[in-house]
Amino acid sequence: MIVQTRNFETDEERWQAVVDRNPQAEGAFVYSVASTGVFCRPTCGARLPRRENVAFHTGPEQARRSGFRACRRCCPDGPGLRSEWAAVAARACRSIEDSSAMIPIAELAREAAMSASHFSRVFKQVTGMAPKAYALSVRSARIREGLAATGSITDAIYGAGFNSSSRFYESSNRALGMTPGNYRAGGAGEVIRFGLGECSLGCILVAATAAGVCAVLMDDDHDYLTEELGRRFPNAELVGGDPEFEGWMAGVIESIESPGRAAQLPVDIRGTAFQHLVWRALQQVPAGATASYSEIAERIGRPKAARAVAAACAANPVAVLVPCHRIVHSDGKMSGYRWGVERKQELLRRESLT
């Protein structure tokens, strides 16, 4: 499970989590109810008990030793709710990936034995994406692969499962971040604004398309950063930033200098469906918290994909905004960081103070 910023260490925090049925509290504690003699998960759907009848326990064993029995409604001594949700999302992801056509949410929900609305909430809680958005990301990856393999826009469109070219063009900006012709040409014709600056961690380069920030690079050498941007977008038109872009750049620097006050910025990052799952899961790790590669793999419903998660972290194009610096080894030791372990250590130190 991903380590949370709040550890629900006080009874006041635990009670509020019970009132809110906060899924982040799953696994942190169970609570018992003196009037019924049972203990429950924090997310139990039973009627909210009176506060004076509630006590908190570190887990099922402690609750049993105190004389309470497990609630039959939420089964607090069974598999964790997050594990169950991860399994549901993993099965749905496989169904989406294996299908050449869009699967209706109602059908995915039936396979999961859930209502459509509950399934959608569970899927987004686990993956960070709505089912439809994940299906689009899968198709986007197929389109990119098809364009690279055949060079034929039409073949790529139908190969990705779109039943007409018009349906594809309606969503092509979301799928590719640019028109398919420009994508096939390596981004030719796309305008990318960029700027170089200084922060307390050294030199920083921020670049953005009209849709959002597409690159955040850090180093001690301005020239290296400019060359790296050119390698990433060899056929795009690189121009200086405008007032809107300057605001985005200031936001990135604020994320470094004062992570507790950092604003959410739009991002335009392109990758495989799996990479997008990992990157969204990274964005759900709060400032001041860390997670391991294996925890992220479990979070996205792919518990055996820790190495692939590590590769997706290494491919992250927007340092800090997708916080791969919050990933550590399973033993808590510092893992590598593309922009230098010293920068990673300093980012984590600052976030721990927020």
Protein backbone atom coordinates (compact mmCIF):
# COMPACT_ATOMS: atom_id res chain seq x y z
CA MET A 1 0.00 0.00 0.00
CA ILE A 2 1.26 3.52 -0.76
CA VAL A 3 2.40 5.37 2.32
CA GLN A 4 0.05 8.25 3.02
CA THR A 5 0.89 11.71 4.33
CA ARG A 6 -1.69 11.23 7.07
CA ASN A 7 -1.12 8.13 9.17
CA PHE A 8 -4.32 8.48 11.23
CA GLU A 9 -2.26 8.55 14.42
CA THR A 10 -4.85 10.27 16.62
CA ASP A 11 -8.34 9.14 17.53
CA GLU A 12 -9.71 12.39 16.12
CA GLU A 13 -8.19 11.62 12.70
CA ARG A 14 -9.41 8.02 12.84
CA TRP A 15 -12.95 9.03 13.76
CA GLN A 16 -13.06 11.57 10.94
CA ALA A 17 -11.88 8.83 8.54
CA VAL A 18 -14.76 6.62 9.73
CA VAL A 19 -17.25 9.45 9.28
CA ASP A 20 -15.89 10.10 5.76
CA ARG A 21 -15.48 6.38 4.99
CA ASN A 22 -12.05 7.46 3.76
CA PRO A 23 -10.51 4.71 1.56
CA GLN A 24 -7.03 6.01 2.45
CA ALA A 25 -7.59 4.69 5.97
CA GLU A 26 -7.91 1.09 4.75
CA GLY A 27 -5.25 -1.00 6.50
CA ALA A 28 -4.32 1.77 8.95
CA PHE A 29 -6.73 0.63 11.70
CA VAL A 30 -10.05 -1.05 12.46
CA TYR A 31 -12.70 0.22 14.87
CA SER A 32 -14.94 -1.60 17.32
CA VAL A 33 -18.44 -0.74 18.47
CA ALA A 34 -19.23 -1.52 22.11
CA SER A 35 -23.00 -1.62 21.59
CA THR A 36 -22.81 -4.34 18.88
CA GLY A 37 -19.64 -6.19 19.85
CA VAL A 38 -18.21 -6.10 16.32
CA PHE A 39 -15.18 -4.47 14.69
CA CYS A 40 -15.20 -2.95 11.21
CA ARG A 41 -13.11 -1.44 8.45
CA PRO A 42 -12.95 2.39 8.36
CA THR A 43 -14.99 2.24 5.15
CA CYS A 44 -17.76 -0.03 6.46
CA GLY A 45 -21.12 0.88 4.96
CA ALA A 46 -23.07 0.10 8.14
CA ARG A 47 -24.92 2.85 9.98
CA LEU A 48 -22.51 5.26 11.67
CA PRO A 49 -22.20 4.33 15.37
CA ARG A 50 -22.25 6.78 18.25
CA ARG A 51 -18.80 8.16 18.91
CA GLU A 52 -18.82 7.18 22.59
CA ASN A 53 -19.26 3.51 21.61
CA VAL A 54 -16.25 3.45 19.28
CA ALA A 55 -12.69 2.32 20.04
CA PHE A 56 -9.79 2.00 17.61
CA HIS A 57 -7.40 -0.91 17.11
CA THR A 58 -4.24 -1.38 15.07
CA GLY A 59 -5.71 -4.41 13.32
CA PRO A 60 -8.12 -7.37 13.50
CA GLU A 61 -6.00 -9.36 15.97
CA GLN A 62 -5.96 -6.57 18.52
CA ALA A 63 -9.73 -6.14 18.15
CA ARG A 64 -10.29 -9.87 18.70
CA ARG A 65 -8.11 -9.86 21.80
CA SER A 66 -10.35 -7.09 23.12
CA GLY A 67 -13.37 -9.39 22.72
CA PHE A 68 -14.88 -8.16 19.46
CA ARG A 69 -15.94 -10.24 16.45
CA ALA A 70 -15.59 -9.34 12.76
CA CYS A 71 -18.41 -7.44 11.06
CA ARG A 72 -20.15 -9.65 8.48
CA ARG A 73 -20.89 -6.68 6.25
CA CYS A 74 -17.37 -5.35 5.61
CA CYS A 75 -15.35 -8.50 6.57
CA PRO A 76 -12.43 -6.61 8.15
CA ASP A 77 -10.38 -9.80 8.57
CA GLY A 78 -10.62 -10.65 4.85
CA PRO A 79 -8.49 -9.34 1.95
CA GLY A 80 -7.89 -5.59 2.08
CA LEU A 81 -10.33 -3.43 0.18
CA ARG A 82 -7.50 -1.89 -1.82
CA SER A 83 -6.32 -5.34 -2.89
CA GLU A 84 -9.83 -6.21 -4.00
CA TRP A 85 -10.14 -2.97 -5.93
CA ALA A 86 -6.71 -3.44 -7.53
CA ALA A 87 -7.77 -6.90 -8.72
CA VAL A 88 -11.02 -5.50 -10.18
CA ALA A 89 -9.14 -2.72 -11.99
CA ALA A 90 -6.48 -5.14 -13.26
CA ARG A 91 -9.10 -7.43 -14.79
CA ALA A 92 -10.84 -4.47 -16.41
CA CYS A 93 -7.54 -3.16 -17.81
CA ARG A 94 -6.81 -6.54 -19.37
CA SER A 95 -10.28 -6.66 -20.91
CA ILE A 96 -9.81 -3.18 -22.38
CA GLU A 97 -6.34 -4.03 -23.70
CA ASP A 98 -7.46 -7.33 -25.24
CA SER A 99 -10.46 -5.83 -27.04
CA SER A 100 -10.25 -4.18 -30.44
CA ALA A 101 -13.51 -2.32 -29.76
CA MET A 102 -14.61 0.03 -26.99
CA ILE A 103 -16.19 -2.01 -24.19
CA PRO A 104 -19.21 -0.28 -22.61
CA ILE A 105 -18.73 0.62 -18.95
CA ALA A 106 -21.91 -1.31 -18.12
CA GLU A 107 -20.30 -4.50 -19.47
CA LEU A 108 -17.09 -3.96 -17.50
CA ALA A 109 -19.18 -3.30 -14.39
CA ARG A 110 -21.13 -6.54 -14.87
CA GLU A 111 -17.87 -8.49 -15.09
CA ALA A 112 -16.85 -6.90 -11.78
CA ALA A 113 -20.28 -7.56 -10.19
CA MET A 114 -20.68 -3.84 -9.49
CA SER A 115 -22.97 -1.06 -10.54
CA ALA A 116 -21.60 1.10 -13.35
CA SER A 117 -21.17 4.14 -11.09
CA HIS A 118 -19.42 2.17 -8.34
CA PHE A 119 -17.17 0.43 -10.85
CA SER A 120 -16.17 3.77 -12.39
CA ARG A 121 -15.28 5.17 -8.95
CA VAL A 122 -13.25 2.07 -8.06
CA PHE A 123 -11.41 2.05 -11.40
CA LYS A 124 -10.49 5.73 -11.08
CA GLN A 125 -9.46 5.30 -7.43
CA VAL A 126 -6.99 2.57 -8.44
CA THR A 127 -5.68 3.85 -11.77
CA GLY A 128 -6.24 7.59 -11.51
CA MET A 129 -8.14 7.45 -14.81
CA ALA A 130 -11.76 6.94 -15.78
CA PRO A 131 -12.37 3.70 -17.72
CA LYS A 132 -13.06 5.63 -20.93
CA ALA A 133 -9.85 7.64 -20.53
CA TYR A 134 -7.86 4.43 -20.05
CA ALA A 135 -9.43 2.90 -23.14
CA LEU A 136 -8.48 6.02 -25.10
CA SER A 137 -4.89 5.79 -23.84
CA VAL A 138 -4.73 2.16 -25.02
CA ARG A 139 -5.97 3.20 -28.44
CA SER A 140 -3.52 6.08 -28.48
CA ALA A 141 -0.64 3.68 -27.97
CA ARG A 142 -1.93 1.49 -30.81
CA ILE A 143 -2.17 4.50 -33.10
CA ARG A 144 1.38 5.56 -32.34
CA GLU A 145 2.65 2.02 -32.91
CA GLY A 146 0.67 1.79 -36.16
CA LEU A 147 1.99 5.09 -37.46
CA ALA A 148 5.55 4.11 -36.63
CA ALA A 149 5.18 0.66 -38.22
CA THR A 150 3.26 1.44 -41.40
CA GLY A 151 3.25 5.19 -41.86
CA SER A 152 -0.40 4.88 -42.88
CA ILE A 153 -2.80 7.05 -40.91
CA THR A 154 -5.82 5.08 -42.18
CA ASP A 155 -4.32 1.72 -41.24
CA ALA A 156 -3.37 3.02 -37.81
CA ILE A 157 -6.86 4.39 -37.18
CA TYR A 158 -8.66 1.15 -38.00
CA GLY A 159 -5.96 -0.96 -36.36
CA ALA A 160 -6.54 0.93 -33.12
CA GLY A 161 -10.23 -0.02 -33.13
CA PHE A 162 -11.87 3.15 -34.41
CA ASN A 163 -14.72 2.21 -36.74
CA SER A 164 -14.42 5.42 -38.74
CA SER A 165 -11.78 8.03 -39.39
CA SER A 166 -14.14 10.81 -38.25
CA ARG A 167 -14.44 9.26 -34.78
CA PHE A 168 -10.67 9.22 -34.53
CA TYR A 169 -10.16 12.80 -35.65
CA GLU A 170 -12.67 13.93 -33.03
CA SER A 171 -10.29 12.66 -30.35
CA SER A 172 -6.90 12.85 -32.09
CA ASN A 173 -5.69 15.85 -30.09
CA ARG A 174 -6.37 13.97 -26.87
CA ALA A 175 -4.85 10.80 -28.29
CA LEU A 176 -1.65 12.22 -29.72
CA GLY A 177 -1.37 15.79 -28.49
CA MET A 178 -1.06 16.82 -32.16
CA THR A 179 -2.53 15.88 -35.50
CA PRO A 180 -1.68 12.36 -36.73
CA GLY A 181 0.22 13.75 -39.72
CA ASN A 182 2.42 15.85 -37.46
CA TYR A 183 2.97 12.90 -35.15
CA ARG A 184 4.09 10.70 -38.04
CA ALA A 185 6.52 13.47 -39.04
CA GLY A 186 8.10 13.50 -35.59
CA GLY A 187 6.22 16.55 -34.33
CA ALA A 188 6.91 18.73 -37.36
CA GLY A 189 4.72 21.82 -37.32
CA GLU A 190 4.11 21.74 -33.57
CA VAL A 191 5.10 24.81 -31.57
CA ILE A 192 6.74 24.15 -28.21
CA ARG A 193 7.42 27.07 -25.90
CA PHE A 194 10.35 26.76 -23.52
CA GLY A 195 12.38 28.72 -21.01
CA LEU A 196 15.57 28.30 -19.01
CA GLY A 197 15.91 29.40 -15.43
CA GLU A 198 17.68 28.93 -12.13
CA CYS A 199 16.36 27.41 -8.95
CA SER A 200 17.99 26.26 -5.74
CA LEU A 201 18.66 22.85 -7.32
CA GLY A 202 20.52 24.28 -10.31
CA CYS A 203 19.49 24.96 -13.91
CA ILE A 204 15.97 24.09 -15.00
CA LEU A 205 14.28 23.95 -18.40
CA VAL A 206 10.51 23.94 -18.77
CA ALA A 207 8.76 23.33 -22.11
CA ALA A 208 5.09 23.28 -23.00
CA THR A 209 2.68 22.71 -25.86
CA ALA A 210 -0.64 24.51 -26.00
CA ALA A 211 -2.10 21.64 -23.94
CA GLY A 212 0.34 21.73 -21.03
CA VAL A 213 3.87 21.21 -19.76
CA CYS A 214 5.63 18.57 -21.84
CA ALA A 215 9.14 18.63 -20.35
CA VAL A 216 10.81 19.60 -17.08
CA LEU A 217 14.57 19.00 -17.16
CA MET A 218 17.22 19.71 -14.50
CA ASP A 219 21.01 19.86 -14.69
CA ASP A 220 23.95 22.14 -13.92
CA ASP A 221 24.47 23.07 -17.58
CA HIS A 222 22.06 25.26 -19.59
CA ASP A 223 23.56 24.09 -22.89
CA TYR A 224 22.97 20.44 -22.05
CA LEU A 225 19.32 21.13 -21.22
CA THR A 226 18.75 22.94 -24.51
CA GLU A 227 20.39 20.09 -26.45
CA GLU A 228 18.29 17.53 -24.58
CA LEU A 229 15.09 19.38 -25.48
CA GLY A 230 16.16 19.37 -29.14
CA ARG A 231 16.75 15.61 -29.01
CA ARG A 232 13.31 15.03 -27.55
CA PHE A 233 11.49 17.20 -30.09
CA PRO A 234 13.73 17.24 -33.17
CA ASN A 235 11.09 18.41 -35.65
CA ALA A 236 9.09 20.83 -33.53
CA GLU A 237 9.40 24.61 -33.64
CA LEU A 238 10.97 25.69 -30.35
CA VAL A 239 10.15 29.26 -29.33
CA GLY A 240 10.47 31.45 -26.28
CA GLY A 241 7.72 31.56 -23.71
CA ASP A 242 4.79 33.98 -23.56
CA PRO A 243 3.08 35.37 -20.41
CA GLU A 244 0.93 32.24 -19.94
CA PHE A 245 4.01 30.05 -20.25
CA GLU A 246 5.93 32.19 -17.77
CA GLY A 247 3.17 31.46 -15.27
CA TRP A 248 3.59 27.73 -15.84
CA MET A 249 7.35 28.00 -15.43
CA ALA A 250 6.91 29.90 -12.17
CA GLY A 251 4.57 27.14 -11.02
CA VAL A 252 7.18 24.46 -11.72
CA ILE A 253 9.83 26.37 -9.80
CA GLU A 254 7.37 26.84 -6.91
CA SER A 255 6.86 23.05 -6.88
CA ILE A 256 10.59 22.78 -6.21
CA GLU A 257 11.04 25.64 -3.78
CA SER A 258 7.77 25.42 -1.81
CA PRO A 259 6.08 22.05 -2.50
CA GLY A 260 3.37 22.72 0.07
CA ARG A 261 2.12 25.72 -1.93
CA ALA A 262 2.60 24.30 -5.43
CA ALA A 263 -0.31 24.70 -7.84
CA GLN A 264 -1.59 21.94 -10.11
CA LEU A 265 -0.36 22.51 -13.66
CA PRO A 266 -1.66 20.97 -16.90
CA VAL A 267 0.71 18.43 -18.45
CA ASP A 268 0.96 17.09 -22.00
CA ILE A 269 3.01 13.92 -21.75
CA ARG A 270 2.95 11.07 -24.23
CA GLY A 271 3.64 7.46 -23.54
CA THR A 272 2.16 3.98 -23.54
CA ALA A 273 -1.03 3.13 -21.67
CA PHE A 274 1.08 1.41 -19.00
CA GLN A 275 3.34 4.45 -18.58
CA HIS A 276 0.30 6.68 -18.15
CA LEU A 277 -1.03 4.35 -15.45
CA VAL A 278 2.29 4.59 -13.60
CA TRP A 279 2.58 8.36 -14.01
CA ARG A 280 -0.94 8.92 -12.70
CA ALA A 281 -0.24 6.65 -9.73
CA LEU A 282 2.90 8.68 -9.00
CA GLN A 283 0.81 11.85 -8.95
CA GLN A 284 -1.36 10.28 -6.27
CA VAL A 285 1.59 9.85 -3.88
CA PRO A 286 1.26 12.92 -1.64
CA ALA A 287 4.07 15.37 -0.95
CA GLY A 288 5.94 14.20 2.13
CA ALA A 289 5.23 10.53 1.40
CA THR A 290 7.09 7.84 -0.50
CA ALA A 291 6.25 4.56 -2.24
CA SER A 292 8.26 1.69 -3.68
CA TYR A 293 8.20 0.34 -7.22
CA SER A 294 6.33 -2.75 -5.99
CA GLU A 295 3.76 -0.59 -4.17
CA ILE A 296 3.07 1.38 -7.33
CA ALA A 297 2.79 -1.90 -9.26
CA GLU A 298 0.17 -3.12 -6.77
CA ARG A 299 -1.58 0.24 -6.88
CA ILE A 300 -2.17 -0.07 -10.64
CA GLY A 301 -3.20 -3.71 -10.37
CA ARG A 302 0.05 -5.13 -11.84
CA PRO A 303 1.82 -6.60 -8.78
CA LYS A 304 4.46 -8.42 -10.84
CA ALA A 305 5.43 -5.38 -12.90
CA ALA A 306 7.83 -3.63 -10.49
CA ARG A 307 10.62 -3.55 -13.10
CA ALA A 308 8.29 -2.11 -15.72
CA VAL A 309 7.21 0.51 -13.18
CA ALA A 310 10.87 1.44 -12.68
CA ALA A 311 11.28 1.84 -16.44
CA ALA A 312 8.19 4.06 -16.62
CA CYS A 313 9.59 6.21 -13.79
CA ALA A 314 12.86 6.58 -15.71
CA ALA A 315 10.89 7.65 -18.81
CA ASN A 316 9.00 10.37 -16.94
CA PRO A 317 9.44 13.55 -19.03
CA VAL A 318 8.29 16.09 -16.44
CA ALA A 319 10.41 16.06 -13.30
CA VAL A 320 8.61 17.14 -10.12
CA LEU A 321 5.15 17.47 -11.75
CA VAL A 322 5.04 13.68 -12.02
CA PRO A 323 6.90 13.04 -8.76
CA CYS A 324 9.09 10.03 -9.52
CA HIS A 325 11.46 11.40 -6.85
CA ARG A 326 9.00 10.00 -4.26
CA ILE A 327 9.87 6.42 -5.25
CA VAL A 328 12.27 4.52 -3.01
CA HIS A 329 13.40 0.90 -2.70
CA SER A 330 11.13 -1.48 -0.78
CA ASP A 331 13.54 -1.30 2.19
CA GLY A 332 13.15 2.48 2.28
CA LYS A 333 16.60 3.22 0.86
CA MET A 334 17.08 5.87 -1.77
CA SER A 335 16.73 4.66 -5.37
CA GLY A 336 18.29 6.28 -8.42
CA TYR A 337 17.05 9.52 -9.94
CA ARG A 338 17.66 10.72 -13.47
CA TRP A 339 18.43 14.27 -12.34
CA GLY A 340 20.78 13.23 -9.53
CA VAL A 341 20.28 11.53 -6.17
CA GLU A 342 21.29 14.73 -4.35
CA ARG A 343 18.37 16.56 -5.96
CA LYS A 344 16.06 13.72 -5.03
CA GLN A 345 17.17 13.79 -1.41
CA GLU A 346 16.66 17.55 -1.22
CA LEU A 347 13.20 17.38 -2.80
CA LEU A 348 12.12 14.73 -0.30
CA ARG A 349 13.60 16.72 2.59
CA ARG A 350 11.64 19.81 1.61
CA GLU A 351 8.41 17.88 1.15
CA SER A 352 8.79 16.27 4.57
CA LEU A 353 8.62 19.78 6.07
CA THR A 354 5.27 20.64 4.45
